[in-house]
Amino acid sequence: MQPTLYTERLILRPLTLDHADAIQQIFPHWEVVRYLNDEVPWPYPADGARSFLENVALPGMARGEEWCWSIFLKDSPDTLVGNISLFDTEDDNRGFWLGQPWHGQGLMTEACAVVTDYWFNVLERPVLRAPKAAPNQGSRRISERGGMRLVKTVEGHFVEGTFPREIWEITREEWLNFQKSTPTL
């Protein structure tokens, strides 16, 4: 059973089908999807969130291969603002998106810290790798703030087009040392 996680400003609730309508409202916006993997259909279909939950995310969670949370604000606990997931996939262990109204507030940095801690201290994985489109400077800053380092670049296909796909990494040992040196996590 996947737990609810908490940060200073956020509640991360395990993803459920009940979240489909809220996701459908805030997800299909260009600034949210442009740097996501090109498996995301664009234009986004009217049933895109429900279809993704039913056919991808929830089955992956049931198999124990994915851990997915919807992100809510503590000061508005019914407001879904994004999603964050962990994956048991080579070179792709963490992914996220945040609704455009909440960009630039440090919320995803908070969410990444708590799920990275879950990856290393609950799931006991040795390394976490997070891919991103090279032009996605916001995502790059989140990885840098989280103690990650760029380990390789390959070609990637994203909703907006083909760009270098950067793979960022942090090991369990690096994460534990980073936490000791960063008391706000």
N, C-alpha and C. Protein backbone atom coordinates (compact mmCIF):
# COMPACT_ATOMS: atom_id res chain seq x y z
N MET A 1 0.84 -1.18 0.00
CA MET A 1 0.00 0.00 0.00
C MET A 1 0.88 1.25 0.00
N GLN A 2 0.66 2.11 -0.94
CA GLN A 2 1.43 3.33 -1.08
C GLN A 2 0.91 4.39 -0.10
N PRO A 3 1.80 5.02 0.65
CA PRO A 3 1.35 5.99 1.66
C PRO A 3 1.11 7.38 1.08
N THR A 4 0.38 8.19 1.83
CA THR A 4 0.29 9.62 1.58
C THR A 4 1.58 10.24 2.14
N LEU A 5 2.16 11.17 1.40
CA LEU A 5 3.39 11.83 1.82
C LEU A 5 3.10 13.30 2.06
N TYR A 6 3.87 13.90 2.96
CA TYR A 6 3.65 15.29 3.33
C TYR A 6 4.95 16.07 3.26
N THR A 7 4.85 17.33 2.86
CA THR A 7 5.96 18.27 2.92
C THR A 7 5.45 19.51 3.66
N GLU A 8 6.26 20.51 3.73
CA GLU A 8 5.85 21.75 4.41
C GLU A 8 4.56 22.32 3.82
N ARG A 9 4.43 22.30 2.49
CA ARG A 9 3.28 22.93 1.83
C ARG A 9 2.39 21.97 1.06
N LEU A 10 2.77 20.70 1.00
CA LEU A 10 2.08 19.77 0.09
C LEU A 10 1.58 18.51 0.77
N ILE A 11 0.55 17.93 0.17
CA ILE A 11 0.07 16.59 0.48
C ILE A 11 0.17 15.80 -0.81
N LEU A 12 0.88 14.69 -0.79
CA LEU A 12 0.98 13.83 -1.96
C LEU A 12 0.15 12.59 -1.69
N ARG A 13 -0.99 12.50 -2.35
CA ARG A 13 -1.90 11.37 -2.17
C ARG A 13 -1.71 10.36 -3.28
N PRO A 14 -1.75 9.08 -2.96
CA PRO A 14 -1.65 8.08 -4.02
C PRO A 14 -2.69 8.35 -5.11
N LEU A 15 -2.24 8.26 -6.33
CA LEU A 15 -3.08 8.51 -7.49
C LEU A 15 -4.26 7.55 -7.52
N THR A 16 -5.45 8.07 -7.79
CA THR A 16 -6.64 7.23 -7.93
C THR A 16 -7.44 7.72 -9.14
N LEU A 17 -8.38 6.90 -9.56
CA LEU A 17 -9.25 7.27 -10.67
C LEU A 17 -10.08 8.51 -10.33
N ASP A 18 -10.32 8.74 -9.05
CA ASP A 18 -11.07 9.93 -8.62
C ASP A 18 -10.37 11.23 -9.00
N HIS A 19 -9.08 11.18 -9.30
CA HIS A 19 -8.32 12.37 -9.65
C HIS A 19 -8.42 12.73 -11.13
N ALA A 20 -9.06 11.88 -11.93
CA ALA A 20 -9.09 12.06 -13.39
C ALA A 20 -9.65 13.41 -13.82
N ASP A 21 -10.77 13.82 -13.27
CA ASP A 21 -11.39 15.08 -13.71
C ASP A 21 -10.50 16.28 -13.42
N ALA A 22 -9.89 16.33 -12.25
CA ALA A 22 -9.01 17.44 -11.89
C ALA A 22 -7.77 17.45 -12.79
N ILE A 23 -7.21 16.27 -13.05
CA ILE A 23 -6.05 16.18 -13.94
C ILE A 23 -6.43 16.67 -15.34
N GLN A 24 -7.58 16.24 -15.82
CA GLN A 24 -8.02 16.63 -17.15
C GLN A 24 -8.16 18.15 -17.27
N GLN A 25 -8.47 18.82 -16.19
CA GLN A 25 -8.62 20.28 -16.21
C GLN A 25 -7.29 21.02 -16.28
N ILE A 26 -6.27 20.56 -15.55
CA ILE A 26 -5.04 21.35 -15.47
C ILE A 26 -3.88 20.80 -16.30
N PHE A 27 -3.96 19.55 -16.75
CA PHE A 27 -2.84 18.95 -17.48
C PHE A 27 -2.72 19.42 -18.93
N PRO A 28 -3.77 19.41 -19.74
CA PRO A 28 -3.60 19.64 -21.17
C PRO A 28 -3.38 21.11 -21.55
N HIS A 29 -2.25 21.65 -21.11
CA HIS A 29 -1.85 23.01 -21.46
C HIS A 29 -0.41 22.94 -21.97
N TRP A 30 -0.13 23.66 -23.02
CA TRP A 30 1.16 23.57 -23.70
C TRP A 30 2.35 23.71 -22.75
N GLU A 31 2.31 24.68 -21.84
CA GLU A 31 3.45 24.89 -20.94
C GLU A 31 3.63 23.74 -19.95
N VAL A 32 2.61 22.93 -19.78
CA VAL A 32 2.71 21.76 -18.90
C VAL A 32 3.27 20.57 -19.67
N VAL A 33 2.82 20.35 -20.89
CA VAL A 33 3.13 19.11 -21.62
C VAL A 33 4.28 19.20 -22.61
N ARG A 34 4.69 20.37 -23.00
CA ARG A 34 5.61 20.51 -24.14
C ARG A 34 6.89 19.70 -24.02
N TYR A 35 7.44 19.55 -22.82
CA TYR A 35 8.70 18.82 -22.64
C TYR A 35 8.49 17.39 -22.12
N LEU A 36 7.26 16.92 -22.12
CA LEU A 36 7.01 15.53 -21.71
C LEU A 36 7.26 14.60 -22.89
N ASN A 37 7.47 13.34 -22.57
CA ASN A 37 7.70 12.29 -23.57
C ASN A 37 6.59 12.33 -24.63
N ASP A 38 6.96 12.07 -25.88
CA ASP A 38 5.98 12.16 -26.96
C ASP A 38 4.91 11.06 -26.93
N GLU A 39 4.96 10.20 -25.92
CA GLU A 39 3.86 9.25 -25.74
C GLU A 39 2.60 9.95 -25.26
N VAL A 40 2.76 11.17 -24.73
CA VAL A 40 1.61 11.98 -24.32
C VAL A 40 0.93 12.46 -25.61
N PRO A 41 -0.33 12.12 -25.83
CA PRO A 41 -1.00 12.55 -27.07
C PRO A 41 -1.25 14.06 -27.07
N TRP A 42 -1.02 14.67 -28.24
CA TRP A 42 -1.29 16.10 -28.37
C TRP A 42 -1.87 16.36 -29.73
N PRO A 43 -2.97 17.05 -29.84
CA PRO A 43 -3.77 17.61 -28.76
C PRO A 43 -4.27 16.52 -27.82
N TYR A 44 -4.41 16.88 -26.56
CA TYR A 44 -4.78 15.93 -25.52
C TYR A 44 -6.26 15.61 -25.64
N PRO A 45 -6.61 14.32 -25.70
CA PRO A 45 -8.03 13.96 -25.86
C PRO A 45 -8.88 14.26 -24.62
N ALA A 46 -10.16 14.41 -24.83
CA ALA A 46 -11.10 14.75 -23.75
C ALA A 46 -11.13 13.70 -22.65
N ASP A 47 -10.77 12.46 -22.97
CA ASP A 47 -10.72 11.38 -21.96
C ASP A 47 -9.28 10.98 -21.65
N GLY A 48 -8.33 11.86 -21.96
CA GLY A 48 -6.91 11.52 -21.82
C GLY A 48 -6.49 11.14 -20.41
N ALA A 49 -6.94 11.89 -19.41
CA ALA A 49 -6.54 11.60 -18.03
C ALA A 49 -7.11 10.26 -17.58
N ARG A 50 -8.39 10.05 -17.81
CA ARG A 50 -9.02 8.79 -17.41
C ARG A 50 -8.37 7.61 -18.11
N SER A 51 -8.12 7.75 -19.40
CA SER A 51 -7.49 6.67 -20.17
C SER A 51 -6.08 6.37 -19.63
N PHE A 52 -5.30 7.42 -19.36
CA PHE A 52 -3.96 7.22 -18.81
C PHE A 52 -4.02 6.51 -17.46
N LEU A 53 -4.91 6.95 -16.59
CA LEU A 53 -5.02 6.33 -15.28
C LEU A 53 -5.43 4.86 -15.40
N GLU A 54 -6.46 4.59 -16.19
CA GLU A 54 -6.98 3.22 -16.31
C GLU A 54 -6.01 2.27 -17.01
N ASN A 55 -5.28 2.77 -18.00
CA ASN A 55 -4.47 1.87 -18.84
C ASN A 55 -2.98 1.87 -18.55
N VAL A 56 -2.49 2.90 -17.84
CA VAL A 56 -1.05 2.99 -17.61
C VAL A 56 -0.72 3.09 -16.11
N ALA A 57 -1.11 4.19 -15.50
CA ALA A 57 -0.66 4.47 -14.13
C ALA A 57 -1.19 3.48 -13.10
N LEU A 58 -2.50 3.30 -13.05
CA LEU A 58 -3.06 2.41 -12.02
C LEU A 58 -2.62 0.95 -12.20
N PRO A 59 -2.57 0.41 -13.43
CA PRO A 59 -2.02 -0.94 -13.58
C PRO A 59 -0.55 -1.03 -13.16
N GLY A 60 0.25 0.01 -13.47
CA GLY A 60 1.66 0.02 -13.05
C GLY A 60 1.80 0.03 -11.55
N MET A 61 0.92 0.78 -10.88
CA MET A 61 0.93 0.80 -9.41
C MET A 61 0.53 -0.57 -8.86
N ALA A 62 -0.48 -1.19 -9.45
CA ALA A 62 -0.96 -2.50 -8.98
C ALA A 62 0.13 -3.57 -9.15
N ARG A 63 0.95 -3.44 -10.19
CA ARG A 63 2.05 -4.40 -10.41
C ARG A 63 3.26 -4.13 -9.52
N GLY A 64 3.27 -2.99 -8.82
CA GLY A 64 4.42 -2.64 -7.99
C GLY A 64 5.59 -2.14 -8.80
N GLU A 65 5.32 -1.60 -10.00
CA GLU A 65 6.37 -1.06 -10.87
C GLU A 65 6.36 0.46 -10.92
N GLU A 66 5.28 1.07 -10.40
CA GLU A 66 5.15 2.52 -10.38
C GLU A 66 4.55 2.94 -9.04
N TRP A 67 4.98 4.12 -8.60
CA TRP A 67 4.44 4.73 -7.39
C TRP A 67 4.06 6.15 -7.79
N CYS A 68 2.77 6.43 -7.81
CA CYS A 68 2.28 7.69 -8.37
C CYS A 68 1.44 8.45 -7.34
N TRP A 69 1.69 9.74 -7.28
CA TRP A 69 0.96 10.60 -6.35
C TRP A 69 0.38 11.79 -7.09
N SER A 70 -0.78 12.22 -6.66
CA SER A 70 -1.32 13.52 -7.05
C SER A 70 -0.90 14.49 -5.97
N ILE A 71 -0.56 15.69 -6.39
CA ILE A 71 -0.04 16.71 -5.48
C ILE A 71 -1.16 17.70 -5.15
N PHE A 72 -1.37 17.91 -3.86
CA PHE A 72 -2.38 18.85 -3.36
C PHE A 72 -1.70 19.86 -2.46
N LEU A 73 -2.27 21.04 -2.37
CA LEU A 73 -1.75 22.08 -1.48
C LEU A 73 -2.31 21.88 -0.07
N LYS A 74 -1.47 21.99 0.94
CA LYS A 74 -1.96 21.86 2.32
C LYS A 74 -2.97 22.95 2.66
N ASP A 75 -2.75 24.16 2.15
CA ASP A 75 -3.67 25.24 2.48
C ASP A 75 -4.94 25.23 1.62
N SER A 76 -5.03 24.28 0.71
CA SER A 76 -6.22 24.09 -0.12
C SER A 76 -6.27 22.61 -0.50
N PRO A 77 -6.54 21.73 0.47
CA PRO A 77 -6.33 20.29 0.31
C PRO A 77 -7.19 19.59 -0.75
N ASP A 78 -8.13 20.29 -1.34
CA ASP A 78 -8.91 19.70 -2.42
C ASP A 78 -8.43 20.17 -3.79
N THR A 79 -7.36 20.99 -3.82
CA THR A 79 -6.84 21.52 -5.07
C THR A 79 -5.68 20.68 -5.56
N LEU A 80 -5.91 19.88 -6.61
CA LEU A 80 -4.87 19.09 -7.24
C LEU A 80 -4.05 20.03 -8.12
N VAL A 81 -2.72 20.03 -7.93
CA VAL A 81 -1.86 20.94 -8.69
C VAL A 81 -0.90 20.22 -9.62
N GLY A 82 -0.76 18.91 -9.50
CA GLY A 82 0.16 18.17 -10.36
C GLY A 82 0.25 16.71 -9.95
N ASN A 83 1.18 16.03 -10.58
CA ASN A 83 1.45 14.63 -10.29
C ASN A 83 2.95 14.40 -10.26
N ILE A 84 3.36 13.41 -9.51
CA ILE A 84 4.75 12.97 -9.48
C ILE A 84 4.75 11.46 -9.34
N SER A 85 5.69 10.82 -10.05
CA SER A 85 5.72 9.35 -10.07
C SER A 85 7.14 8.84 -10.00
N LEU A 86 7.25 7.65 -9.46
CA LEU A 86 8.49 6.88 -9.48
C LEU A 86 8.25 5.65 -10.35
N PHE A 87 9.27 5.26 -11.11
CA PHE A 87 9.15 4.14 -12.04
C PHE A 87 10.32 3.19 -11.85
N ASP A 88 10.05 1.91 -11.94
CA ASP A 88 11.10 0.90 -11.89
C ASP A 88 11.53 0.60 -13.33
N THR A 89 12.12 1.64 -13.98
CA THR A 89 12.49 1.56 -15.39
C THR A 89 13.92 2.08 -15.56
N GLU A 90 14.70 1.43 -16.38
CA GLU A 90 16.08 1.85 -16.59
C GLU A 90 16.13 3.29 -17.12
N ASP A 91 16.97 4.11 -16.53
CA ASP A 91 17.19 5.51 -16.91
C ASP A 91 15.95 6.39 -16.80
N ASP A 92 14.91 5.92 -16.14
CA ASP A 92 13.68 6.72 -16.00
C ASP A 92 12.97 6.32 -14.71
N ASN A 93 13.41 6.91 -13.60
CA ASN A 93 12.86 6.54 -12.29
C ASN A 93 11.94 7.59 -11.68
N ARG A 94 11.94 8.80 -12.23
CA ARG A 94 11.07 9.82 -11.66
C ARG A 94 10.58 10.75 -12.76
N GLY A 95 9.29 11.05 -12.70
CA GLY A 95 8.71 12.01 -13.64
C GLY A 95 7.66 12.83 -12.93
N PHE A 96 7.38 14.00 -13.46
CA PHE A 96 6.39 14.87 -12.82
C PHE A 96 5.87 15.90 -13.79
N TRP A 97 4.78 16.50 -13.40
CA TRP A 97 4.26 17.68 -14.08
C TRP A 97 3.52 18.52 -13.04
N LEU A 98 3.46 19.80 -13.29
CA LEU A 98 2.81 20.74 -12.38
C LEU A 98 1.96 21.68 -13.20
N GLY A 99 0.73 21.92 -12.76
CA GLY A 99 -0.14 22.85 -13.45
C GLY A 99 0.49 24.23 -13.54
N GLN A 100 0.27 24.89 -14.66
CA GLN A 100 0.93 26.17 -14.93
C GLN A 100 0.72 27.24 -13.85
N PRO A 101 -0.45 27.36 -13.23
CA PRO A 101 -0.60 28.41 -12.21
C PRO A 101 0.35 28.26 -11.02
N TRP A 102 0.93 27.08 -10.84
CA TRP A 102 1.78 26.82 -9.67
C TRP A 102 3.26 26.75 -10.02
N HIS A 103 3.63 27.05 -11.28
CA HIS A 103 5.04 27.05 -11.67
C HIS A 103 5.80 28.14 -10.92
N GLY A 104 7.08 27.90 -10.69
CA GLY A 104 7.96 28.92 -10.14
C GLY A 104 7.82 29.20 -8.65
N GLN A 105 7.15 28.30 -7.91
CA GLN A 105 6.96 28.50 -6.48
C GLN A 105 7.76 27.52 -5.63
N GLY A 106 8.56 26.67 -6.26
CA GLY A 106 9.35 25.69 -5.52
C GLY A 106 8.56 24.47 -5.07
N LEU A 107 7.32 24.34 -5.51
CA LEU A 107 6.49 23.21 -5.08
C LEU A 107 7.03 21.87 -5.58
N MET A 108 7.49 21.83 -6.83
CA MET A 108 7.98 20.56 -7.36
C MET A 108 9.31 20.17 -6.72
N THR A 109 10.11 21.13 -6.32
CA THR A 109 11.34 20.81 -5.59
C THR A 109 10.98 20.09 -4.29
N GLU A 110 9.95 20.56 -3.60
CA GLU A 110 9.47 19.91 -2.37
C GLU A 110 8.97 18.50 -2.65
N ALA A 111 8.17 18.37 -3.68
CA ALA A 111 7.60 17.06 -4.02
C ALA A 111 8.71 16.08 -4.41
N CYS A 112 9.67 16.55 -5.18
CA CYS A 112 10.78 15.68 -5.59
C CYS A 112 11.58 15.19 -4.39
N ALA A 113 11.81 16.07 -3.42
CA ALA A 113 12.59 15.68 -2.25
C ALA A 113 11.92 14.55 -1.49
N VAL A 114 10.61 14.63 -1.26
CA VAL A 114 9.94 13.62 -0.47
C VAL A 114 9.82 12.28 -1.24
N VAL A 115 9.62 12.33 -2.56
CA VAL A 115 9.55 11.05 -3.29
C VAL A 115 10.93 10.46 -3.52
N THR A 116 11.95 11.30 -3.64
CA THR A 116 13.31 10.77 -3.74
C THR A 116 13.69 10.07 -2.44
N ASP A 117 13.32 10.66 -1.33
CA ASP A 117 13.56 10.02 -0.04
C ASP A 117 12.82 8.68 0.04
N TYR A 118 11.60 8.64 -0.46
CA TYR A 118 10.82 7.40 -0.49
C TYR A 118 11.55 6.34 -1.34
N TRP A 119 12.06 6.75 -2.49
CA TRP A 119 12.78 5.85 -3.39
C TRP A 119 13.96 5.19 -2.68
N PHE A 120 14.74 5.99 -1.97
CA PHE A 120 15.95 5.48 -1.34
C PHE A 120 15.70 4.83 0.01
N ASN A 121 14.84 5.39 0.83
CA ASN A 121 14.71 4.92 2.20
C ASN A 121 13.56 3.95 2.44
N VAL A 122 12.57 3.92 1.57
CA VAL A 122 11.49 2.95 1.70
C VAL A 122 11.65 1.84 0.67
N LEU A 123 11.82 2.23 -0.59
CA LEU A 123 11.99 1.22 -1.64
C LEU A 123 13.41 0.67 -1.69
N GLU A 124 14.34 1.36 -1.03
CA GLU A 124 15.74 0.93 -0.90
C GLU A 124 16.43 0.70 -2.24
N ARG A 125 16.22 1.62 -3.17
CA ARG A 125 16.87 1.54 -4.47
C ARG A 125 18.25 2.18 -4.38
N PRO A 126 19.22 1.70 -5.18
CA PRO A 126 20.58 2.22 -5.09
C PRO A 126 20.83 3.51 -5.86
N VAL A 127 20.05 3.76 -6.90
CA VAL A 127 20.27 4.95 -7.74
C VAL A 127 18.93 5.42 -8.30
N LEU A 128 18.81 6.74 -8.47
CA LEU A 128 17.62 7.32 -9.09
C LEU A 128 18.09 8.11 -10.31
N ARG A 129 17.45 7.83 -11.43
CA ARG A 129 17.75 8.57 -12.66
C ARG A 129 16.48 9.25 -13.15
N ALA A 130 16.63 10.50 -13.57
CA ALA A 130 15.50 11.30 -14.03
C ALA A 130 15.83 11.91 -15.39
N PRO A 131 15.07 11.54 -16.42
CA PRO A 131 15.30 12.12 -17.75
C PRO A 131 14.57 13.45 -17.90
N LYS A 132 15.07 14.28 -18.81
CA LYS A 132 14.40 15.55 -19.09
C LYS A 132 14.85 16.07 -20.45
N ALA A 133 13.99 16.85 -21.08
CA ALA A 133 14.35 17.54 -22.31
C ALA A 133 15.38 18.62 -21.97
N ALA A 134 16.47 18.65 -22.70
CA ALA A 134 17.54 19.61 -22.40
C ALA A 134 17.05 21.06 -22.33
N PRO A 135 16.10 21.50 -23.16
CA PRO A 135 15.65 22.90 -23.05
C PRO A 135 14.80 23.19 -21.80
N ASN A 136 14.42 22.18 -21.05
CA ASN A 136 13.55 22.38 -19.90
C ASN A 136 14.37 22.85 -18.70
N GLN A 137 14.64 24.15 -18.66
CA GLN A 137 15.49 24.71 -17.62
C GLN A 137 14.89 24.58 -16.22
N GLY A 138 13.57 24.67 -16.11
CA GLY A 138 12.93 24.52 -14.81
C GLY A 138 13.19 23.14 -14.22
N SER A 139 13.05 22.10 -15.03
CA SER A 139 13.29 20.74 -14.57
C SER A 139 14.76 20.53 -14.24
N ARG A 140 15.63 21.13 -15.04
CA ARG A 140 17.07 21.04 -14.77
C ARG A 140 17.39 21.64 -13.40
N ARG A 141 16.82 22.79 -13.09
CA ARG A 141 17.08 23.44 -11.79
C ARG A 141 16.58 22.58 -10.63
N ILE A 142 15.45 21.90 -10.81
CA ILE A 142 14.94 21.01 -9.77
C ILE A 142 15.95 19.89 -9.50
N SER A 143 16.51 19.31 -10.55
CA SER A 143 17.51 18.25 -10.38
C SER A 143 18.76 18.79 -9.70
N GLU A 144 19.21 19.96 -10.12
CA GLU A 144 20.40 20.55 -9.50
C GLU A 144 20.17 20.82 -8.02
N ARG A 145 19.00 21.40 -7.69
CA ARG A 145 18.68 21.69 -6.28
C ARG A 145 18.56 20.41 -5.46
N GLY A 146 18.24 19.30 -6.10
CA GLY A 146 18.09 18.03 -5.41
C GLY A 146 19.36 17.21 -5.33
N GLY A 147 20.50 17.82 -5.68
CA GLY A 147 21.78 17.13 -5.55
C GLY A 147 22.12 16.19 -6.69
N MET A 148 21.36 16.23 -7.77
CA MET A 148 21.60 15.32 -8.90
C MET A 148 22.68 15.88 -9.81
N ARG A 149 23.20 15.00 -10.67
CA ARG A 149 24.20 15.42 -11.65
C ARG A 149 23.85 14.81 -13.00
N LEU A 150 24.21 15.50 -14.05
CA LEU A 150 23.99 15.03 -15.42
C LEU A 150 24.98 13.92 -15.72
N VAL A 151 24.47 12.75 -16.17
CA VAL A 151 25.36 11.62 -16.43
C VAL A 151 25.43 11.23 -17.91
N LYS A 152 24.40 11.57 -18.69
CA LYS A 152 24.48 11.30 -20.12
C LYS A 152 23.39 12.05 -20.86
N THR A 153 23.62 12.18 -22.16
CA THR A 153 22.66 12.83 -23.04
C THR A 153 22.47 11.94 -24.26
N VAL A 154 21.21 11.71 -24.60
CA VAL A 154 20.84 10.93 -25.78
C VAL A 154 19.77 11.72 -26.53
N GLU A 155 19.37 11.23 -27.69
CA GLU A 155 18.28 11.89 -28.40
C GLU A 155 16.95 11.52 -27.75
N GLY A 156 16.06 12.50 -27.64
CA GLY A 156 14.76 12.25 -27.04
C GLY A 156 13.65 12.83 -27.89
N HIS A 157 12.49 12.23 -27.77
CA HIS A 157 11.32 12.67 -28.52
C HIS A 157 10.26 13.14 -27.52
N PHE A 158 9.87 14.39 -27.67
CA PHE A 158 8.98 15.04 -26.73
C PHE A 158 7.78 15.60 -27.46
N VAL A 159 6.77 16.02 -26.71
CA VAL A 159 5.57 16.56 -27.32
C VAL A 159 5.93 17.70 -28.28
N GLU A 160 6.86 18.57 -27.89
CA GLU A 160 7.24 19.70 -28.74
C GLU A 160 8.14 19.32 -29.90
N GLY A 161 8.85 18.18 -29.80
CA GLY A 161 9.74 17.77 -30.88
C GLY A 161 10.92 16.97 -30.37
N THR A 162 11.96 16.88 -31.18
CA THR A 162 13.15 16.11 -30.84
C THR A 162 14.21 17.04 -30.26
N PHE A 163 14.69 16.68 -29.08
CA PHE A 163 15.71 17.45 -28.37
C PHE A 163 16.67 16.46 -27.72
N PRO A 164 17.83 16.96 -27.28
CA PRO A 164 18.66 16.12 -26.43
C PRO A 164 17.87 15.75 -25.16
N ARG A 165 17.98 14.50 -24.76
CA ARG A 165 17.33 13.99 -23.55
C ARG A 165 18.43 13.77 -22.52
N GLU A 166 18.41 14.60 -21.48
CA GLU A 166 19.43 14.49 -20.44
C GLU A 166 18.98 13.48 -19.39
N ILE A 167 19.93 12.69 -18.91
CA ILE A 167 19.69 11.76 -17.81
C ILE A 167 20.46 12.29 -16.60
N TRP A 168 19.71 12.61 -15.56
CA TRP A 168 20.27 13.11 -14.31
C TRP A 168 20.23 11.98 -13.28
N GLU A 169 21.21 11.95 -12.39
CA GLU A 169 21.34 10.82 -11.47
C GLU A 169 21.76 11.28 -10.09
N ILE A 170 21.31 10.50 -9.10
CA ILE A 170 21.82 10.61 -7.73
C ILE A 170 21.80 9.20 -7.14
N THR A 171 22.85 8.85 -6.43
CA THR A 171 22.91 7.54 -5.78
C THR A 171 22.33 7.66 -4.37
N ARG A 172 22.04 6.53 -3.78
CA ARG A 172 21.52 6.53 -2.41
C ARG A 172 22.50 7.21 -1.45
N GLU A 173 23.78 6.86 -1.59
CA GLU A 173 24.80 7.45 -0.72
C GLU A 173 24.87 8.97 -0.91
N GLU A 174 24.83 9.42 -2.16
CA GLU A 174 24.84 10.86 -2.44
C GLU A 174 23.61 11.54 -1.83
N TRP A 175 22.45 10.88 -1.94
CA TRP A 175 21.22 11.45 -1.40
C TRP A 175 21.31 11.59 0.13
N LEU A 176 21.78 10.55 0.79
CA LEU A 176 21.89 10.60 2.25
C LEU A 176 22.85 11.71 2.68
N ASN A 177 23.97 11.86 1.98
CA ASN A 177 24.92 12.94 2.28
C ASN A 177 24.31 14.31 1.97
N PHE A 178 23.57 14.40 0.87
CA PHE A 178 22.92 15.65 0.49
C PHE A 178 21.90 16.06 1.55
N GLN A 179 21.13 15.11 2.05
CA GLN A 179 20.14 15.41 3.09
C GLN A 179 20.81 15.95 4.35
N LYS A 180 21.92 15.36 4.72
CA LYS A 180 22.64 15.81 5.93
C LYS A 180 23.10 17.26 5.77
N SER A 181 23.47 17.63 4.53
CA SER A 181 23.98 18.98 4.30
C SER A 181 22.89 19.99 3.96
N THR A 182 21.64 19.51 3.81
CA THR A 182 20.53 20.39 3.45
C THR A 182 19.41 20.19 4.47
N PRO A 183 19.43 20.92 5.56
CA PRO A 183 18.47 20.69 6.65
C PRO A 183 17.01 21.01 6.30
N THR A 184 16.74 21.72 5.19
CA THR A 184 15.36 22.08 4.86
C THR A 184 14.61 20.94 4.21
N LEU A 185 15.26 19.84 3.83
CA LEU A 185 14.56 18.72 3.18
C LEU A 185 13.90 17.83 4.19
